[in-house]
Amino acid sequence: MKVSNTEILMMNGFWQNKGDAQMKVIFLDVDGVLNSNDTEDIFRGFIGLDYSGIKLLREIIDATGAEIVLVSSWKSRWYKDHKNCQDNLANYLDKRLSEESLKILDKTEGSSFDRGHGIIDWLSDHPTESWIVLDDEIFEDYEECGIMPHLVKTSFYDGGLKEKHVEMAINLLNKENNK
């Protein structure tokens, strides 16, 4: 039985006020989505970001108007309001995304390894029209939290975000019953 996001939130004691402005959201992992084992860019000893992946993310946002919420381990030193406290890797992420006029709206709280719960907690505080998760992994709590119907799964070992994922993401975000 397929359970909607609203039903999941209601089961967990949350309620979204339908009168509030709603947005489309991309919960973004970085490693395995915006980079891969083929990535040539290195930043301070870490795998950098692929320009092609960022351009594909831009395509999704252009077609849907979605906002980016960070769920990646890259979120640990990324700050919405205190950019002067960010580390160099978070600044690099912001800079590379800004080259395609992209900006991260927010991040989920909690461990990046308990992503499903972080996503549901974030959704409980922010009215959404539709949402997806761009990730190369399936975390243990994804099934429990009802994430699987919203997951666009990429692969770190197969080039990260690709055109086939873009089409799937756009279809999910623009589909009326993706709540």
C-alpha atoms as a PDB file:
ATOM      1  CA  MET A   1       0.000   0.000   0.000  1.00  0.00           C
ATOM      2  CA  LYS A   2       1.423   3.374  -1.033  1.00  0.00           C
ATOM      3  CA  VAL A   3       1.399   5.978   1.732  1.00  0.00           C
ATOM      4  CA  SER A   4       1.486   9.689   0.917  1.00  0.00           C
ATOM      5  CA  ASN A   5       3.835  12.152   2.594  1.00  0.00           C
ATOM      6  CA  THR A   6       0.857  13.795   4.314  1.00  0.00           C
ATOM      7  CA  GLU A   7      -0.245  10.414   5.694  1.00  0.00           C
ATOM      8  CA  ILE A   8       3.293   9.690   6.923  1.00  0.00           C
ATOM      9  CA  LEU A   9       3.415  13.063   8.653  1.00  0.00           C
ATOM     10  CA  MET A  10      -0.037  12.531  10.161  1.00  0.00           C
ATOM     11  CA  MET A  11       0.978   9.056  11.395  1.00  0.00           C
ATOM     12  CA  ASN A  12       4.007  10.654  13.048  1.00  0.00           C
ATOM     13  CA  GLY A  13       1.875  13.333  14.720  1.00  0.00           C
ATOM     14  CA  PHE A  14       2.596  16.122  12.225  1.00  0.00           C
ATOM     15  CA  TRP A  15       0.181  18.218  10.209  1.00  0.00           C
ATOM     16  CA  GLN A  16       0.746  20.565   7.317  1.00  0.00           C
ATOM     17  CA  ASN A  17      -1.502  23.599   7.040  1.00  0.00           C
ATOM     18  CA  LYS A  18      -2.738  23.532   3.459  1.00  0.00           C
ATOM     19  CA  GLY A  19      -3.135  27.321   3.551  1.00  0.00           C
ATOM     20  CA  ASP A  20       0.617  27.831   3.850  1.00  0.00           C
ATOM     21  CA  ALA A  21       2.715  28.502   0.770  1.00  0.00           C
ATOM     22  CA  GLN A  22       4.089  25.225  -0.491  1.00  0.00           C
ATOM     23  CA  MET A  23       7.276  24.458  -2.364  1.00  0.00           C
ATOM     24  CA  LYS A  24       8.900  21.640  -4.266  1.00  0.00           C
ATOM     25  CA  VAL A  25      12.000  20.253  -2.575  1.00  0.00           C
ATOM     26  CA  ILE A  26      15.070  18.290  -3.641  1.00  0.00           C
ATOM     27  CA  PHE A  27      16.756  16.595  -0.685  1.00  0.00           C
ATOM     28  CA  LEU A  28      20.301  16.501  -2.039  1.00  0.00           C
ATOM     29  CA  ASP A  29      23.113  14.128  -1.258  1.00  0.00           C
ATOM     30  CA  VAL A  30      26.420  15.277  -2.771  1.00  0.00           C
ATOM     31  CA  ASP A  31      28.770  12.292  -3.020  1.00  0.00           C
ATOM     32  CA  GLY A  32      27.506   9.945  -5.711  1.00  0.00           C
ATOM     33  CA  VAL A  33      25.132  12.582  -7.090  1.00  0.00           C
ATOM     34  CA  LEU A  34      27.253  15.645  -7.915  1.00  0.00           C
ATOM     35  CA  ASN A  35      30.462  13.604  -8.073  1.00  0.00           C
ATOM     36  CA  SER A  36      31.516  10.028  -8.765  1.00  0.00           C
ATOM     37  CA  ASN A  37      34.525   7.763  -9.022  1.00  0.00           C
ATOM     38  CA  ASP A  38      35.164   9.461 -12.397  1.00  0.00           C
ATOM     39  CA  THR A  39      35.386  12.972 -10.910  1.00  0.00           C
ATOM     40  CA  GLU A  40      38.679  14.641 -11.752  1.00  0.00           C
ATOM     41  CA  ASP A  41      38.225  17.753  -9.600  1.00  0.00           C
ATOM     42  CA  ILE A  42      39.940  17.476  -6.212  1.00  0.00           C
ATOM     43  CA  PHE A  43      39.446  20.026  -3.443  1.00  0.00           C
ATOM     44  CA  ARG A  44      41.856  19.914  -0.493  1.00  0.00           C
ATOM     45  CA  GLY A  45      42.240  16.154  -0.709  1.00  0.00           C
ATOM     46  CA  PHE A  46      38.523  15.458  -1.198  1.00  0.00           C
ATOM     47  CA  ILE A  47      36.701  14.472  -4.363  1.00  0.00           C
ATOM     48  CA  GLY A  48      35.325  17.679  -5.802  1.00  0.00           C
ATOM     49  CA  LEU A  49      32.175  18.266  -7.825  1.00  0.00           C
ATOM     50  CA  ASP A  50      31.413  17.495 -11.460  1.00  0.00           C
ATOM     51  CA  TYR A  51      30.277  20.459 -13.507  1.00  0.00           C
ATOM     52  CA  SER A  52      28.051  18.098 -15.538  1.00  0.00           C
ATOM     53  CA  GLY A  53      26.188  16.985 -12.402  1.00  0.00           C
ATOM     54  CA  ILE A  54      25.625  20.564 -11.306  1.00  0.00           C
ATOM     55  CA  LYS A  55      24.278  21.454 -14.765  1.00  0.00           C
ATOM     56  CA  LEU A  56      21.866  18.506 -14.597  1.00  0.00           C
ATOM     57  CA  LEU A  57      20.707  19.632 -11.156  1.00  0.00           C
ATOM     58  CA  ARG A  58      20.109  23.072 -12.700  1.00  0.00           C
ATOM     59  CA  GLU A  59      17.902  21.410 -15.374  1.00  0.00           C
ATOM     60  CA  ILE A  60      15.741  19.825 -12.674  1.00  0.00           C
ATOM     61  CA  ILE A  61      15.340  23.117 -10.847  1.00  0.00           C
ATOM     62  CA  ASP A  62      14.608  25.068 -14.037  1.00  0.00           C
ATOM     63  CA  ALA A  63      11.848  22.593 -14.957  1.00  0.00           C
ATOM     64  CA  THR A  64      10.281  22.397 -11.485  1.00  0.00           C
ATOM     65  CA  GLY A  65      11.145  25.479  -9.441  1.00  0.00           C
ATOM     66  CA  ALA A  66      12.343  23.170  -6.645  1.00  0.00           C
ATOM     67  CA  GLU A  67      14.483  24.262  -3.704  1.00  0.00           C
ATOM     68  CA  ILE A  68      17.589  22.400  -2.472  1.00  0.00           C
ATOM     69  CA  VAL A  69      17.797  20.977   1.053  1.00  0.00           C
ATOM     70  CA  LEU A  70      21.103  19.333   1.932  1.00  0.00           C
ATOM     71  CA  VAL A  71      21.017  15.805   3.447  1.00  0.00           C
ATOM     72  CA  SER A  72      24.611  14.897   2.629  1.00  0.00           C
ATOM     73  CA  SER A  73      27.494  14.472   5.042  1.00  0.00           C
ATOM     74  CA  TRP A  74      28.631  17.753   3.441  1.00  0.00           C
ATOM     75  CA  LYS A  75      25.990  19.473   5.600  1.00  0.00           C
ATOM     76  CA  SER A  76      28.012  19.102   8.810  1.00  0.00           C
ATOM     77  CA  ARG A  77      29.854  22.416   8.319  1.00  0.00           C
ATOM     78  CA  TRP A  78      27.330  24.142   6.013  1.00  0.00           C
ATOM     79  CA  TYR A  79      25.322  26.949   7.615  1.00  0.00           C
ATOM     80  CA  LYS A  80      22.286  28.747   6.297  1.00  0.00           C
ATOM     81  CA  ASP A  81      22.770  31.990   8.210  1.00  0.00           C
ATOM     82  CA  HIS A  82      26.372  31.906   9.455  1.00  0.00           C
ATOM     83  CA  LYS A  83      28.488  31.646   6.307  1.00  0.00           C
ATOM     84  CA  ASN A  84      31.544  32.973   8.162  1.00  0.00           C
ATOM     85  CA  CYS A  85      31.466  29.778  10.298  1.00  0.00           C
ATOM     86  CA  GLN A  86      31.516  27.403   7.330  1.00  0.00           C
ATOM     87  CA  ASP A  87      34.582  25.371   6.514  1.00  0.00           C
ATOM     88  CA  ASN A  88      36.329  25.484   3.140  1.00  0.00           C
ATOM     89  CA  LEU A  89      34.457  22.442   1.796  1.00  0.00           C
ATOM     90  CA  ALA A  90      31.050  24.059   2.498  1.00  0.00           C
ATOM     91  CA  ASN A  91      32.254  27.291   0.888  1.00  0.00           C
ATOM     92  CA  TYR A  92      33.446  25.290  -2.130  1.00  0.00           C
ATOM     93  CA  LEU A  93      30.004  23.660  -2.418  1.00  0.00           C
ATOM     94  CA  ASP A  94      28.228  27.029  -2.254  1.00  0.00           C
ATOM     95  CA  LYS A  95      30.633  28.546  -4.800  1.00  0.00           C
ATOM     96  CA  ARG A  96      30.337  25.693  -7.296  1.00  0.00           C
ATOM     97  CA  LEU A  97      26.528  25.690  -7.072  1.00  0.00           C
ATOM     98  CA  SER A  98      26.398  29.479  -7.433  1.00  0.00           C
ATOM     99  CA  GLU A  99      28.270  29.168 -10.750  1.00  0.00           C
ATOM    100  CA  GLU A 100      24.990  27.692 -12.075  1.00  0.00           C
ATOM    101  CA  SER A 101      22.887  30.194 -10.069  1.00  0.00           C
ATOM    102  CA  LEU A 102      21.953  27.473  -7.567  1.00  0.00           C
ATOM    103  CA  LYS A 103      21.612  28.020  -3.846  1.00  0.00           C
ATOM    104  CA  ILE A 104      20.949  25.677  -0.944  1.00  0.00           C
ATOM    105  CA  LEU A 105      17.821  26.687   0.961  1.00  0.00           C
ATOM    106  CA  ASP A 106      18.416  24.634   4.092  1.00  0.00           C
ATOM    107  CA  LYS A 107      19.703  21.374   5.516  1.00  0.00           C
ATOM    108  CA  THR A 108      18.194  18.554   7.527  1.00  0.00           C
ATOM    109  CA  GLU A 109      19.213  18.183  11.148  1.00  0.00           C
ATOM    110  CA  GLY A 110      20.657  15.114  12.795  1.00  0.00           C
ATOM    111  CA  SER A 111      22.987  12.460  11.497  1.00  0.00           C
ATOM    112  CA  SER A 112      23.545  12.147   7.775  1.00  0.00           C
ATOM    113  CA  PHE A 113      23.255   8.374   8.351  1.00  0.00           C
ATOM    114  CA  ASP A 114      19.686   8.660   9.691  1.00  0.00           C
ATOM    115  CA  ARG A 115      18.519  10.557   6.622  1.00  0.00           C
ATOM    116  CA  GLY A 116      14.940   9.326   6.421  1.00  0.00           C
ATOM    117  CA  HIS A 117      14.086  10.688   9.859  1.00  0.00           C
ATOM    118  CA  GLY A 118      15.882  13.957   9.098  1.00  0.00           C
ATOM    119  CA  ILE A 119      13.830  14.345   5.915  1.00  0.00           C
ATOM    120  CA  ILE A 120      10.511  13.621   7.647  1.00  0.00           C
ATOM    121  CA  ASP A 121      11.412  16.010  10.491  1.00  0.00           C
ATOM    122  CA  TRP A 122      12.224  18.749   7.973  1.00  0.00           C
ATOM    123  CA  LEU A 123       8.981  18.125   6.068  1.00  0.00           C
ATOM    124  CA  SER A 124       6.991  18.381   9.291  1.00  0.00           C
ATOM    125  CA  ASP A 125       8.074  22.023   9.622  1.00  0.00           C
ATOM    126  CA  HIS A 126       7.867  23.057   5.959  1.00  0.00           C
ATOM    127  CA  PRO A 127       4.782  22.726   3.758  1.00  0.00           C
ATOM    128  CA  THR A 128       5.683  21.050   0.488  1.00  0.00           C
ATOM    129  CA  GLU A 129       3.883  20.524  -2.777  1.00  0.00           C
ATOM    130  CA  SER A 130       6.184  17.660  -3.778  1.00  0.00           C
ATOM    131  CA  TRP A 131       9.645  16.361  -2.941  1.00  0.00           C
ATOM    132  CA  ILE A 132      12.341  13.954  -4.034  1.00  0.00           C
ATOM    133  CA  VAL A 133      15.570  12.587  -2.630  1.00  0.00           C
ATOM    134  CA  LEU A 134      18.639  12.522  -4.906  1.00  0.00           C
ATOM    135  CA  ASP A 135      20.935   9.965  -3.299  1.00  0.00           C
ATOM    136  CA  ASP A 136      23.267   7.136  -4.297  1.00  0.00           C
ATOM    137  CA  GLU A 137      22.515   5.143  -1.161  1.00  0.00           C
ATOM    138  CA  ILE A 138      19.466   3.582   0.428  1.00  0.00           C
ATOM    139  CA  PHE A 139      19.591   4.131   4.180  1.00  0.00           C
ATOM    140  CA  GLU A 140      18.014   1.731   6.674  1.00  0.00           C
ATOM    141  CA  ASP A 141      15.265   4.183   7.636  1.00  0.00           C
ATOM    142  CA  TYR A 142      14.217   5.054   4.062  1.00  0.00           C
ATOM    143  CA  GLU A 143      11.612   2.280   3.910  1.00  0.00           C
ATOM    144  CA  GLU A 144      10.291   2.993   7.411  1.00  0.00           C
ATOM    145  CA  CYS A 145       9.949   6.718   6.657  1.00  0.00           C
ATOM    146  CA  GLY A 146       8.272   6.276   3.266  1.00  0.00           C
ATOM    147  CA  ILE A 147      11.219   7.680   1.300  1.00  0.00           C
ATOM    148  CA  MET A 148      11.447   4.987  -1.389  1.00  0.00           C
ATOM    149  CA  PRO A 149       8.691   6.344  -3.720  1.00  0.00           C
ATOM    150  CA  HIS A 150      10.508   9.706  -3.671  1.00  0.00           C
ATOM    151  CA  LEU A 151      14.036   8.365  -4.200  1.00  0.00           C
ATOM    152  CA  VAL A 152      15.905   9.051  -7.423  1.00  0.00           C
ATOM    153  CA  LYS A 153      18.851   6.719  -6.923  1.00  0.00           C
ATOM    154  CA  THR A 154      22.124   7.556  -8.619  1.00  0.00           C
ATOM    155  CA  SER A 155      25.409   5.636  -8.459  1.00  0.00           C
ATOM    156  CA  PHE A 156      28.845   6.784  -7.350  1.00  0.00           C
ATOM    157  CA  TYR A 157      30.332   4.051  -9.569  1.00  0.00           C
ATOM    158  CA  ASP A 158      28.254   4.939 -12.628  1.00  0.00           C
ATOM    159  CA  GLY A 159      28.853   8.667 -13.003  1.00  0.00           C
ATOM    160  CA  GLY A 160      26.484  10.147 -10.403  1.00  0.00           C
ATOM    161  CA  LEU A 161      23.578  12.266 -11.667  1.00  0.00           C
ATOM    162  CA  LYS A 162      22.708  11.502 -15.294  1.00  0.00           C
ATOM    163  CA  GLU A 163      20.096  12.539 -17.832  1.00  0.00           C
ATOM    164  CA  LYS A 164      17.869   9.528 -16.986  1.00  0.00           C
ATOM    165  CA  HIS A 165      17.735  10.744 -13.363  1.00  0.00           C
ATOM    166  CA  VAL A 166      16.829  14.264 -14.485  1.00  0.00           C
ATOM    167  CA  GLU A 167      13.749  13.016 -16.331  1.00  0.00           C
ATOM    168  CA  MET A 168      12.663  10.891 -13.378  1.00  0.00           C
ATOM    169  CA  ALA A 169      13.201  13.762 -10.908  1.00  0.00           C
ATOM    170  CA  ILE A 170      11.233  16.241 -13.018  1.00  0.00           C
ATOM    171  CA  ASN A 171       8.360  13.775 -13.421  1.00  0.00           C
ATOM    172  CA  LEU A 172       8.198  13.095  -9.673  1.00  0.00           C
ATOM    173  CA  LEU A 173       8.404  16.763  -8.690  1.00  0.00           C
ATOM    174  CA  ASN A 174       5.781  17.858 -11.224  1.00  0.00           C
ATOM    175  CA  LYS A 175       3.414  14.980 -10.453  1.00  0.00           C
ATOM    176  CA  GLU A 176       0.391  16.167  -8.482  1.00  0.00           C
ATOM    177  CA  ASN A 177       0.275  13.217  -6.064  1.00  0.00           C
ATOM    178  CA  ASN A 178       3.897  13.355  -4.857  1.00  0.00           C
ATOM    179  CA  LYS A 179       3.146  14.611  -1.362  1.00  0.00           C
END
